[in-house]
Amino acid sequence: MAKHVFPLYLEGASVTVASGAINPNSTSTVFVNPGSADVSYTVADGEILGQVLYIQNLASTNDANIAFTTAKDAGYNLVSLDNRAESCTYIWTSEGWAALSGVGATFVS
């Protein structure tokens, strides 16, 4: 079996989103800041296979509930980041967003 190494380039500066839509095609790092209440976010489809998206909650007490428009696995189409520094990482595949990791994240189907 051959081993393959590929270069990984994460485009764009990080952005902070207070509510609503997350555009994964303009950045690879998103900080969500729910502010004074729990907030729902929606992640649009990716554009490039292998595109990586990292999302982290900046709020210490409010939930960031993140829905993916197209998820590879229905068990990972909704993720809740309930506390500061909780995060998740997804990759765009031909079947949709696939979860790579979650730190303190709650995945809801």
PDB file of N, CA and C in Angstrom:
ATOM      1  N   MET A   1       0.842  -1.166   0.000  1.00  0.00           N
ATOM      2  CA  MET A   1       0.000   0.000   0.000  1.00  0.00           C
ATOM      3  C   MET A   1       0.894   1.239   0.000  1.00  0.00           C
ATOM      4  N   ALA A   2       0.657   2.122  -0.927  1.00  0.00           N
ATOM      5  CA  ALA A   2       1.428   3.362  -1.019  1.00  0.00           C
ATOM      6  C   ALA A   2       0.902   4.372  -0.007  1.00  0.00           C
ATOM      7  N   LYS A   3       1.798   5.139   0.548  1.00  0.00           N
ATOM      8  CA  LYS A   3       1.417   6.215   1.455  1.00  0.00           C
ATOM      9  C   LYS A   3       1.442   7.514   0.672  1.00  0.00           C
ATOM     10  N   HIS A   4       0.495   8.378   0.972  1.00  0.00           N
ATOM     11  CA  HIS A   4       0.390   9.644   0.261  1.00  0.00           C
ATOM     12  C   HIS A   4       0.461  10.801   1.251  1.00  0.00           C
ATOM     13  N   VAL A   5       1.165  11.815   0.873  1.00  0.00           N
ATOM     14  CA  VAL A   5       1.239  13.036   1.660  1.00  0.00           C
ATOM     15  C   VAL A   5       0.662  14.136   0.798  1.00  0.00           C
ATOM     16  N   PHE A   6      -0.189  14.956   1.384  1.00  0.00           N
ATOM     17  CA  PHE A   6      -0.763  16.043   0.604  1.00  0.00           C
ATOM     18  C   PHE A   6      -0.587  17.348   1.377  1.00  0.00           C
ATOM     19  N   PRO A   7      -0.395  18.446   0.676  1.00  0.00           N
ATOM     20  CA  PRO A   7      -0.265  19.730   1.354  1.00  0.00           C
ATOM     21  C   PRO A   7      -1.636  20.215   1.814  1.00  0.00           C
ATOM     22  N   LEU A   8      -1.687  20.834   2.975  1.00  0.00           N
ATOM     23  CA  LEU A   8      -2.930  21.376   3.504  1.00  0.00           C
ATOM     24  C   LEU A   8      -2.759  22.879   3.643  1.00  0.00           C
ATOM     25  N   TYR A   9      -3.632  23.608   2.992  1.00  0.00           N
ATOM     26  CA  TYR A   9      -3.575  25.066   3.049  1.00  0.00           C
ATOM     27  C   TYR A   9      -4.930  25.569   3.495  1.00  0.00           C
ATOM     28  N   LEU A  10      -4.984  26.210   4.633  1.00  0.00           N
ATOM     29  CA  LEU A  10      -6.237  26.747   5.148  1.00  0.00           C
ATOM     30  C   LEU A  10      -6.335  28.215   4.755  1.00  0.00           C
ATOM     31  N   GLU A  11      -7.336  28.520   3.936  1.00  0.00           N
ATOM     32  CA  GLU A  11      -7.472  29.872   3.405  1.00  0.00           C
ATOM     33  C   GLU A  11      -8.249  30.786   4.330  1.00  0.00           C
ATOM     34  N   GLY A  12      -7.957  32.063   4.231  1.00  0.00           N
ATOM     35  CA  GLY A  12      -8.753  33.096   4.879  1.00  0.00           C
ATOM     36  C   GLY A  12      -8.437  33.292   6.337  1.00  0.00           C
ATOM     37  N   ALA A  13      -8.671  34.498   6.779  1.00  0.00           N
ATOM     38  CA  ALA A  13      -8.510  34.835   8.185  1.00  0.00           C
ATOM     39  C   ALA A  13      -9.701  34.271   8.954  1.00  0.00           C
ATOM     40  N   SER A  14      -9.558  34.132  10.254  1.00  0.00           N
ATOM     41  CA  SER A  14     -10.679  33.666  11.061  1.00  0.00           C
ATOM     42  C   SER A  14     -11.750  34.749  11.108  1.00  0.00           C
ATOM     43  N   VAL A  15     -12.994  34.332  11.300  1.00  0.00           N
ATOM     44  CA  VAL A  15     -14.104  35.271  11.426  1.00  0.00           C
ATOM     45  C   VAL A  15     -14.885  34.927  12.685  1.00  0.00           C
ATOM     46  N   THR A  16     -15.531  35.942  13.265  1.00  0.00           N
ATOM     47  CA  THR A  16     -16.411  35.740  14.406  1.00  0.00           C
ATOM     48  C   THR A  16     -17.835  36.007  13.949  1.00  0.00           C
ATOM     49  N   VAL A  17     -18.738  35.068  14.253  1.00  0.00           N
ATOM     50  CA  VAL A  17     -20.128  35.163  13.820  1.00  0.00           C
ATOM     51  C   VAL A  17     -21.016  35.186  15.064  1.00  0.00           C
ATOM     52  N   ALA A  18     -21.899  36.195  15.160  1.00  0.00           N
ATOM     53  CA  ALA A  18     -22.782  36.317  16.321  1.00  0.00           C
ATOM     54  C   ALA A  18     -24.025  35.444  16.180  1.00  0.00           C
ATOM     55  N   SER A  19     -24.527  35.303  14.956  1.00  0.00           N
ATOM     56  CA  SER A  19     -25.715  34.475  14.736  1.00  0.00           C
ATOM     57  C   SER A  19     -25.905  34.233  13.247  1.00  0.00           C
ATOM     58  N   GLY A  20     -26.773  33.269  12.931  1.00  0.00           N
ATOM     59  CA  GLY A  20     -27.173  33.052  11.549  1.00  0.00           C
ATOM     60  C   GLY A  20     -26.287  32.131  10.748  1.00  0.00           C
ATOM     61  N   ALA A  21     -25.996  32.561   9.525  1.00  0.00           N
ATOM     62  CA  ALA A  21     -25.294  31.712   8.564  1.00  0.00           C
ATOM     63  C   ALA A  21     -23.784  31.742   8.747  1.00  0.00           C
ATOM     64  N   ILE A  22     -23.179  30.585   8.535  1.00  0.00           N
ATOM     65  CA  ILE A  22     -21.724  30.463   8.516  1.00  0.00           C
ATOM     66  C   ILE A  22     -21.339  30.104   7.085  1.00  0.00           C
ATOM     67  N   ASN A  23     -20.519  30.939   6.466  1.00  0.00           N
ATOM     68  CA  ASN A  23     -20.071  30.701   5.098  1.00  0.00           C
ATOM     69  C   ASN A  23     -18.697  30.038   5.146  1.00  0.00           C
ATOM     70  N   PRO A  24     -18.631  28.731   4.931  1.00  0.00           N
ATOM     71  CA  PRO A  24     -17.351  28.030   5.016  1.00  0.00           C
ATOM     72  C   PRO A  24     -16.447  28.303   3.820  1.00  0.00           C
ATOM     73  N   ASN A  25     -16.969  28.977   2.811  1.00  0.00           N
ATOM     74  CA  ASN A  25     -16.200  29.207   1.587  1.00  0.00           C
ATOM     75  C   ASN A  25     -15.396  30.498   1.627  1.00  0.00           C
ATOM     76  N   SER A  26     -15.495  31.236   2.743  1.00  0.00           N
ATOM     77  CA  SER A  26     -14.711  32.462   2.867  1.00  0.00           C
ATOM     78  C   SER A  26     -13.632  32.354   3.940  1.00  0.00           C
ATOM     79  N   THR A  27     -13.671  31.284   4.725  1.00  0.00           N
ATOM     80  CA  THR A  27     -12.689  31.095   5.792  1.00  0.00           C
ATOM     81  C   THR A  27     -12.661  29.629   6.201  1.00  0.00           C
ATOM     82  N   SER A  28     -11.621  29.224   6.895  1.00  0.00           N
ATOM     83  CA  SER A  28     -11.558  27.857   7.401  1.00  0.00           C
ATOM     84  C   SER A  28     -11.673  27.821   8.924  1.00  0.00           C
ATOM     85  N   THR A  29     -11.675  28.995   9.567  1.00  0.00           N
ATOM     86  CA  THR A  29     -11.777  29.075  11.021  1.00  0.00           C
ATOM     87  C   THR A  29     -12.883  30.044  11.397  1.00  0.00           C
ATOM     88  N   VAL A  30     -13.866  29.547  12.166  1.00  0.00           N
ATOM     89  CA  VAL A  30     -14.996  30.371  12.585  1.00  0.00           C
ATOM     90  C   VAL A  30     -15.103  30.319  14.097  1.00  0.00           C
ATOM     91  N   PHE A  31     -15.201  31.491  14.697  1.00  0.00           N
ATOM     92  CA  PHE A  31     -15.482  31.592  16.126  1.00  0.00           C
ATOM     93  C   PHE A  31     -16.925  32.041  16.252  1.00  0.00           C
ATOM     94  N   VAL A  32     -17.743  31.264  16.971  1.00  0.00           N
ATOM     95  CA  VAL A  32     -19.129  31.642  17.186  1.00  0.00           C
ATOM     96  C   VAL A  32     -19.230  32.291  18.555  1.00  0.00           C
ATOM     97  N   ASN A  33     -20.011  33.356  18.642  1.00  0.00           N
ATOM     98  CA  ASN A  33     -20.153  34.086  19.891  1.00  0.00           C
ATOM     99  C   ASN A  33     -21.639  34.329  20.150  1.00  0.00           C
ATOM    100  N   PRO A  34     -22.317  33.363  20.832  1.00  0.00           N
ATOM    101  CA  PRO A  34     -23.753  33.466  21.037  1.00  0.00           C
ATOM    102  C   PRO A  34     -24.200  34.642  21.901  1.00  0.00           C
ATOM    103  N   GLY A  35     -23.284  35.333  22.555  1.00  0.00           N
ATOM    104  CA  GLY A  35     -23.656  36.527  23.321  1.00  0.00           C
ATOM    105  C   GLY A  35     -24.490  36.223  24.539  1.00  0.00           C
ATOM    106  N   SER A  36     -25.698  36.827  24.622  1.00  0.00           N
ATOM    107  CA  SER A  36     -26.496  36.748  25.848  1.00  0.00           C
ATOM    108  C   SER A  36     -27.579  35.670  25.823  1.00  0.00           C
ATOM    109  N   ALA A  37     -27.608  34.835  24.781  1.00  0.00           N
ATOM    110  CA  ALA A  37     -28.607  33.768  24.698  1.00  0.00           C
ATOM    111  C   ALA A  37     -28.078  32.648  23.802  1.00  0.00           C
ATOM    112  N   ASP A  38     -28.736  31.493  23.861  1.00  0.00           N
ATOM    113  CA  ASP A  38     -28.386  30.398  22.959  1.00  0.00           C
ATOM    114  C   ASP A  38     -28.722  30.822  21.532  1.00  0.00           C
ATOM    115  N   VAL A  39     -27.885  30.446  20.576  1.00  0.00           N
ATOM    116  CA  VAL A  39     -28.065  30.865  19.187  1.00  0.00           C
ATOM    117  C   VAL A  39     -27.910  29.673  18.250  1.00  0.00           C
ATOM    118  N   SER A  40     -28.706  29.662  17.183  1.00  0.00           N
ATOM    119  CA  SER A  40     -28.601  28.637  16.143  1.00  0.00           C
ATOM    120  C   SER A  40     -27.848  29.195  14.946  1.00  0.00           C
ATOM    121  N   TYR A  41     -27.012  28.360  14.367  1.00  0.00           N
ATOM    122  CA  TYR A  41     -26.211  28.720  13.195  1.00  0.00           C
ATOM    123  C   TYR A  41     -26.459  27.666  12.123  1.00  0.00           C
ATOM    124  N   THR A  42     -26.274  28.047  10.864  1.00  0.00           N
ATOM    125  CA  THR A  42     -26.385  27.101   9.755  1.00  0.00           C
ATOM    126  C   THR A  42     -25.139  27.198   8.895  1.00  0.00           C
ATOM    127  N   VAL A  43     -24.527  26.042   8.601  1.00  0.00           N
ATOM    128  CA  VAL A  43     -23.335  25.992   7.768  1.00  0.00           C
ATOM    129  C   VAL A  43     -23.740  25.584   6.353  1.00  0.00           C
ATOM    130  N   ALA A  44     -23.366  26.410   5.384  1.00  0.00           N
ATOM    131  CA  ALA A  44     -23.652  26.129   3.980  1.00  0.00           C
ATOM    132  C   ALA A  44     -22.743  25.016   3.471  1.00  0.00           C
ATOM    133  N   ASP A  45     -23.043  24.531   2.280  1.00  0.00           N
ATOM    134  CA  ASP A  45     -22.210  23.510   1.645  1.00  0.00           C
ATOM    135  C   ASP A  45     -20.834  24.067   1.315  1.00  0.00           C
ATOM    136  N   GLY A  46     -19.847  23.180   1.303  1.00  0.00           N
ATOM    137  CA  GLY A  46     -18.505  23.554   0.884  1.00  0.00           C
ATOM    138  C   GLY A  46     -18.427  23.616  -0.631  1.00  0.00           C
ATOM    139  N   GLU A  47     -17.277  24.029  -1.132  1.00  0.00           N
ATOM    140  CA  GLU A  47     -17.075  24.133  -2.582  1.00  0.00           C
ATOM    141  C   GLU A  47     -15.954  23.236  -3.093  1.00  0.00           C
ATOM    142  N   ILE A  48     -15.012  22.894  -2.210  1.00  0.00           N
ATOM    143  CA  ILE A  48     -13.831  22.151  -2.630  1.00  0.00           C
ATOM    144  C   ILE A  48     -13.722  20.877  -1.795  1.00  0.00           C
ATOM    145  N   LEU A  49     -13.618  19.728  -2.453  1.00  0.00           N
ATOM    146  CA  LEU A  49     -13.440  18.474  -1.728  1.00  0.00           C
ATOM    147  C   LEU A  49     -12.186  18.564  -0.858  1.00  0.00           C
ATOM    148  N   GLY A  50     -12.305  18.148   0.385  1.00  0.00           N
ATOM    149  CA  GLY A  50     -11.173  18.204   1.302  1.00  0.00           C
ATOM    150  C   GLY A  50     -11.104  19.495   2.099  1.00  0.00           C
ATOM    151  N   GLN A  51     -12.015  20.411   1.826  1.00  0.00           N
ATOM    152  CA  GLN A  51     -12.073  21.690   2.556  1.00  0.00           C
ATOM    153  C   GLN A  51     -12.332  21.400   4.031  1.00  0.00           C
ATOM    154  N   VAL A  52     -11.568  22.031   4.916  1.00  0.00           N
ATOM    155  CA  VAL A  52     -11.681  21.816   6.354  1.00  0.00           C
ATOM    156  C   VAL A  52     -12.286  23.052   7.007  1.00  0.00           C
ATOM    157  N   LEU A  53     -13.196  22.824   7.964  1.00  0.00           N
ATOM    158  CA  LEU A  53     -13.841  23.912   8.691  1.00  0.00           C
ATOM    159  C   LEU A  53     -13.718  23.637  10.187  1.00  0.00           C
ATOM    160  N   TYR A  54     -13.152  24.608  10.921  1.00  0.00           N
ATOM    161  CA  TYR A  54     -12.995  24.523  12.374  1.00  0.00           C
ATOM    162  C   TYR A  54     -13.905  25.572  12.997  1.00  0.00           C
ATOM    163  N   ILE A  55     -14.730  25.170  13.970  1.00  0.00           N
ATOM    164  CA  ILE A  55     -15.653  26.095  14.640  1.00  0.00           C
ATOM    165  C   ILE A  55     -15.432  25.995  16.139  1.00  0.00           C
ATOM    166  N   GLN A  56     -15.303  27.162  16.803  1.00  0.00           N
ATOM    167  CA  GLN A  56     -15.094  27.191  18.255  1.00  0.00           C
ATOM    168  C   GLN A  56     -16.041  28.189  18.901  1.00  0.00           C
ATOM    169  N   ASN A  57     -16.585  27.833  20.067  1.00  0.00           N
ATOM    170  CA  ASN A  57     -17.482  28.710  20.823  1.00  0.00           C
ATOM    171  C   ASN A  57     -16.668  29.648  21.705  1.00  0.00           C
ATOM    172  N   LEU A  58     -16.973  30.945  21.635  1.00  0.00           N
ATOM    173  CA  LEU A  58     -16.288  31.935  22.469  1.00  0.00           C
ATOM    174  C   LEU A  58     -17.052  32.252  23.757  1.00  0.00           C
ATOM    175  N   ALA A  59     -18.335  31.889  23.830  1.00  0.00           N
ATOM    176  CA  ALA A  59     -19.166  32.242  24.986  1.00  0.00           C
ATOM    177  C   ALA A  59     -19.003  31.222  26.104  1.00  0.00           C
ATOM    178  N   SER A  60     -19.022  31.712  27.341  1.00  0.00           N
ATOM    179  CA  SER A  60     -18.808  30.819  28.472  1.00  0.00           C
ATOM    180  C   SER A  60     -20.089  30.149  28.950  1.00  0.00           C
ATOM    181  N   THR A  61     -21.247  30.713  28.659  1.00  0.00           N
ATOM    182  CA  THR A  61     -22.477  30.128  29.196  1.00  0.00           C
ATOM    183  C   THR A  61     -23.546  29.833  28.153  1.00  0.00           C
ATOM    184  N   ASN A  62     -23.443  30.363  26.959  1.00  0.00           N
ATOM    185  CA  ASN A  62     -24.511  30.186  25.975  1.00  0.00           C
ATOM    186  C   ASN A  62     -24.142  29.161  24.914  1.00  0.00           C
ATOM    187  N   ASP A  63     -25.170  28.451  24.455  1.00  0.00           N
ATOM    188  CA  ASP A  63     -24.969  27.375  23.490  1.00  0.00           C
ATOM    189  C   ASP A  63     -24.917  27.908  22.064  1.00  0.00           C
ATOM    190  N   ALA A  64     -24.034  27.333  21.280  1.00  0.00           N
ATOM    191  CA  ALA A  64     -23.999  27.556  19.839  1.00  0.00           C
ATOM    192  C   ALA A  64     -24.470  26.253  19.210  1.00  0.00           C
ATOM    193  N   ASN A  65     -25.665  26.265  18.628  1.00  0.00           N
ATOM    194  CA  ASN A  65     -26.252  25.079  18.010  1.00  0.00           C
ATOM    195  C   ASN A  65     -26.061  25.197  16.510  1.00  0.00           C
ATOM    196  N   ILE A  66     -25.252  24.313  15.955  1.00  0.00           N
ATOM    197  CA  ILE A  66     -24.798  24.445  14.574  1.00  0.00           C
ATOM    198  C   ILE A  66     -25.368  23.315  13.731  1.00  0.00           C
ATOM    199  N   ALA A  67     -26.112  23.696  12.677  1.00  0.00           N
ATOM    200  CA  ALA A  67     -26.691  22.729  11.749  1.00  0.00           C
ATOM    201  C   ALA A  67     -25.943  22.801  10.422  1.00  0.00           C
ATOM    202  N   PHE A  68     -25.674  21.650   9.855  1.00  0.00           N
ATOM    203  CA  PHE A  68     -24.993  21.575   8.564  1.00  0.00           C
ATOM    204  C   PHE A  68     -26.029  21.299   7.487  1.00  0.00           C
ATOM    205  N   THR A  69     -26.064  22.129   6.443  1.00  0.00           N
ATOM    206  CA  THR A  69     -27.039  21.988   5.366  1.00  0.00           C
ATOM    207  C   THR A  69     -26.980  20.603   4.761  1.00  0.00           C
ATOM    208  N   THR A  70     -25.780  20.110   4.491  1.00  0.00           N
ATOM    209  CA  THR A  70     -25.588  18.763   3.951  1.00  0.00           C
ATOM    210  C   THR A  70     -24.522  18.061   4.787  1.00  0.00           C
ATOM    211  N   ALA A  71     -24.932  17.012   5.494  1.00  0.00           N
ATOM    212  CA  ALA A  71     -23.992  16.246   6.311  1.00  0.00           C
ATOM    213  C   ALA A  71     -23.847  14.846   5.729  1.00  0.00           C
ATOM    214  N   LYS A  72     -22.635  14.325   5.767  1.00  0.00           N
ATOM    215  CA  LYS A  72     -22.366  12.973   5.258  1.00  0.00           C
ATOM    216  C   LYS A  72     -23.115  11.937   6.080  1.00  0.00           C
ATOM    217  N   ASP A  73     -23.190  12.137   7.376  1.00  0.00           N
ATOM    218  CA  ASP A  73     -23.833  11.204   8.290  1.00  0.00           C
ATOM    219  C   ASP A  73     -24.880  11.967   9.094  1.00  0.00           C
ATOM    220  N   ALA A  74     -26.125  11.484   9.079  1.00  0.00           N
ATOM    221  CA  ALA A  74     -27.211  12.171   9.782  1.00  0.00           C
ATOM    222  C   ALA A  74     -26.940  12.326  11.277  1.00  0.00           C
ATOM    223  N   GLY A  75     -26.096  11.471  11.841  1.00  0.00           N
ATOM    224  CA  GLY A  75     -25.771  11.560  13.260  1.00  0.00           C
ATOM    225  C   GLY A  75     -24.868  12.735  13.605  1.00  0.00           C
ATOM    226  N   TYR A  76     -24.365  13.418  12.580  1.00  0.00           N
ATOM    227  CA  TYR A  76     -23.447  14.540  12.805  1.00  0.00           C
ATOM    228  C   TYR A  76     -23.902  15.809  12.087  1.00  0.00           C
ATOM    229  N   ASN A  77     -25.199  15.898  11.777  1.00  0.00           N
ATOM    230  CA  ASN A  77     -25.683  17.082  11.066  1.00  0.00           C
ATOM    231  C   ASN A  77     -26.001  18.240  12.004  1.00  0.00           C
ATOM    232  N   LEU A  78     -26.037  17.978  13.300  1.00  0.00           N
ATOM    233  CA  LEU A  78     -26.267  19.039  14.278  1.00  0.00           C
ATOM    234  C   LEU A  78     -25.279  18.861  15.423  1.00  0.00           C
ATOM    235  N   VAL A  79     -24.583  19.934  15.759  1.00  0.00           N
ATOM    236  CA  VAL A  79     -23.620  19.878  16.859  1.00  0.00           C
ATOM    237  C   VAL A  79     -23.895  21.044  17.801  1.00  0.00           C
ATOM    238  N   SER A  80     -23.793  20.784  19.091  1.00  0.00           N
ATOM    239  CA  SER A  80     -24.005  21.813  20.102  1.00  0.00           C
ATOM    240  C   SER A  80     -22.693  22.064  20.838  1.00  0.00           C
ATOM    241  N   LEU A  81     -22.272  23.321  20.820  1.00  0.00           N
ATOM    242  CA  LEU A  81     -21.081  23.754  21.568  1.00  0.00           C
ATOM    243  C   LEU A  81     -21.601  24.569  22.739  1.00  0.00           C
ATOM    244  N   ASP A  82     -21.578  23.984  23.937  1.00  0.00           N
ATOM    245  CA  ASP A  82     -22.269  24.561  25.087  1.00  0.00           C
ATOM    246  C   ASP A  82     -21.425  25.494  25.952  1.00  0.00           C
ATOM    247  N   ASN A  83     -20.127  25.437  25.829  1.00  0.00           N
ATOM    248  CA  ASN A  83     -19.258  26.224  26.702  1.00  0.00           C
ATOM    249  C   ASN A  83     -18.085  26.817  25.935  1.00  0.00           C
ATOM    250  N   ARG A  84     -17.415  27.759  26.559  1.00  0.00           N
ATOM    251  CA  ARG A  84     -16.236  28.384  25.957  1.00  0.00           C
ATOM    252  C   ARG A  84     -15.196  27.328  25.590  1.00  0.00           C
ATOM    253  N   ALA A  85     -14.609  27.498  24.421  1.00  0.00           N
ATOM    254  CA  ALA A  85     -13.520  26.667  23.889  1.00  0.00           C
ATOM    255  C   ALA A  85     -13.972  25.304  23.372  1.00  0.00           C
ATOM    256  N   GLU A  86     -15.262  24.961  23.486  1.00  0.00           N
ATOM    257  CA  GLU A  86     -15.714  23.734  22.837  1.00  0.00           C
ATOM    258  C   GLU A  86     -15.645  23.957  21.332  1.00  0.00           C
ATOM    259  N   SER A  87     -15.292  22.896  20.592  1.00  0.00           N
ATOM    260  CA  SER A  87     -15.076  23.085  19.160  1.00  0.00           C
ATOM    261  C   SER A  87     -15.382  21.809  18.381  1.00  0.00           C
ATOM    262  N   CYS A  88     -15.470  21.982  17.072  1.00  0.00           N
ATOM    263  CA  CYS A  88     -15.630  20.839  16.174  1.00  0.00           C
ATOM    264  C   CYS A  88     -14.884  21.135  14.877  1.00  0.00           C
ATOM    265  N   THR A  89     -14.490  20.072  14.217  1.00  0.00           N
ATOM    266  CA  THR A  89     -13.794  20.186  12.935  1.00  0.00           C
ATOM    267  C   THR A  89     -14.487  19.261  11.946  1.00  0.00           C
ATOM    268  N   TYR A  90     -14.802  19.797  10.777  1.00  0.00           N
ATOM    269  CA  TYR A  90     -15.477  19.043   9.713  1.00  0.00           C
ATOM    270  C   TYR A  90     -14.667  19.143   8.426  1.00  0.00           C
ATOM    271  N   ILE A  91     -14.887  18.173   7.529  1.00  0.00           N
ATOM    272  CA  ILE A  91     -14.256  18.198   6.210  1.00  0.00           C
ATOM    273  C   ILE A  91     -15.355  18.002   5.168  1.00  0.00           C
ATOM    274  N   TRP A  92     -15.256  18.742   4.058  1.00  0.00           N
ATOM    275  CA  TRP A  92     -16.235  18.644   2.978  1.00  0.00           C
ATOM    276  C   TRP A  92     -15.874  17.468   2.076  1.00  0.00           C
ATOM    277  N   THR A  93     -16.826  16.550   1.885  1.00  0.00           N
ATOM    278  CA  THR A  93     -16.623  15.379   1.040  1.00  0.00           C
ATOM    279  C   THR A  93     -17.655  15.405  -0.091  1.00  0.00           C
ATOM    280  N   SER A  94     -17.577  14.432  -0.981  1.00  0.00           N
ATOM    281  CA  SER A  94     -18.554  14.346  -2.070  1.00  0.00           C
ATOM    282  C   SER A  94     -19.958  14.037  -1.558  1.00  0.00           C
ATOM    283  N   GLU A  95     -20.067  13.612  -0.301  1.00  0.00           N
ATOM    284  CA  GLU A  95     -21.369  13.293   0.303  1.00  0.00           C
ATOM    285  C   GLU A  95     -21.836  14.345   1.299  1.00  0.00           C
ATOM    286  N   GLY A  96     -21.042  15.369   1.538  1.00  0.00           N
ATOM    287  CA  GLY A  96     -21.411  16.424   2.493  1.00  0.00           C
ATOM    288  C   GLY A  96     -20.344  16.606   3.554  1.00  0.00           C
ATOM    289  N   TRP A  97     -20.683  17.372   4.597  1.00  0.00           N
ATOM    290  CA  TRP A  97     -19.753  17.636   5.694  1.00  0.00           C
ATOM    291  C   TRP A  97     -19.608  16.384   6.552  1.00  0.00           C
ATOM    292  N   ALA A  98     -18.378  15.990   6.841  1.00  0.00           N
ATOM    293  CA  ALA A  98     -18.092  14.831   7.689  1.00  0.00           C
ATOM    294  C   ALA A  98     -17.330  15.312   8.923  1.00  0.00           C
ATOM    295  N   ALA A  99     -17.775  14.868  10.088  1.00  0.00           N
ATOM    296  CA  ALA A  99     -17.120  15.266  11.340  1.00  0.00           C
ATOM    297  C   ALA A  99     -15.757  14.591  11.452  1.00  0.00           C
ATOM    298  N   LEU A 100     -14.738  15.393  11.768  1.00  0.00           N
ATOM    299  CA  LEU A 100     -13.399  14.860  12.022  1.00  0.00           C
ATOM    300  C   LEU A 100     -13.131  14.763  13.512  1.00  0.00           C
ATOM    301  N   SER A 101     -13.580  15.797  14.259  1.00  0.00           N
ATOM    302  CA  SER A 101     -13.334  15.785  15.696  1.00  0.00           C
ATOM    303  C   SER A 101     -14.278  16.753  16.405  1.00  0.00           C
ATOM    304  N   GLY A 102     -14.384  16.557  17.698  1.00  0.00           N
ATOM    305  CA  GLY A 102     -15.157  17.461  18.528  1.00  0.00           C
ATOM    306  C   GLY A 102     -14.559  17.490  19.910  1.00  0.00           C
ATOM    307  N   VAL A 103     -14.304  18.690  20.427  1.00  0.00           N
ATOM    308  CA  VAL A 103     -13.758  18.852  21.776  1.00  0.00           C
ATOM    309  C   VAL A 103     -14.882  19.415  22.640  1.00  0.00           C
ATOM    310  N   GLY A 104     -15.460  18.584  23.492  1.00  0.00           N
ATOM    311  CA  GLY A 104     -16.577  18.991  24.331  1.00  0.00           C
ATOM    312  C   GLY A 104     -17.880  19.134  23.560  1.00  0.00           C
ATOM    313  N   ALA A 105     -17.865  18.858  22.285  1.00  0.00           N
ATOM    314  CA  ALA A 105     -19.036  19.026  21.431  1.00  0.00           C
ATOM    315  C   ALA A 105     -20.035  17.901  21.664  1.00  0.00           C
ATOM    316  N   THR A 106     -21.327  18.234  21.533  1.00  0.00           N
ATOM    317  CA  THR A 106     -22.394  17.243  21.606  1.00  0.00           C
ATOM    318  C   THR A 106     -22.982  17.088  20.213  1.00  0.00           C
ATOM    319  N   PHE A 107     -22.849  15.905  19.625  1.00  0.00           N
ATOM    320  CA  PHE A 107     -23.399  15.651  18.291  1.00  0.00           C
ATOM    321  C   PHE A 107     -24.808  15.104  18.453  1.00  0.00           C
ATOM    322  N   VAL A 108     -25.758  15.709  17.758  1.00  0.00           N
ATOM    323  CA  VAL A 108     -27.171  15.358  17.870  1.00  0.00           C
ATOM    324  C   VAL A 108     -27.675  14.914  16.508  1.00  0.00           C
ATOM    325  N   SER A 109     -28.390  13.793  16.459  1.00  0.00           N
ATOM    326  CA  SER A 109     -28.929  13.351  15.174  1.00  0.00           C
ATOM    327  C   SER A 109     -30.381  13.762  15.033  1.00  0.00           C
TER     328      SER A 109
END
